[in-house]
């Protein structure tokens, strides 16, 4: 592995971490900046969110719902087993497991599957597919079917 590969992998790790830290703090402008301008987020039971405005608008609703369902809106995403594969000099795929904690403890868990592009000197998410593998019965964020 050469220095370019190592630099790309670290930048990709950073954008994934920045996405989660911004989301956990309700800093939606910072979260949206992790996506390319035409970036897409696919969530369970939701039409694909295309572009910064669509992603921000949806997540504003998530933030409002979380604040309305709790006395203390606590949110902490934990990402593990991140696997990065560069597919071209300016393109990569990444996969990871995540778990989400709220004030009740473990709330839900699942996987990210990302396609990333380097735009200028930064890596950004072009496509994020979120798969929820499970949730506790009293989840604050995942509706039980």
Foldseek 3Di string as FASTA:
>chain_A
DDPLVVVVVVLVVVLVVQLQVCLQVVVLVSNLVQADQQAWEAEPPDPIQTGSVSVSVVSVVLVVLQVVVDPDWGKHKDWDDWDWDAPDSFKIWIKIKIWMQTPVGTFWIWMWIFIWGDDDNHIHTRYIYTDTPDGDPPHSRDDDD
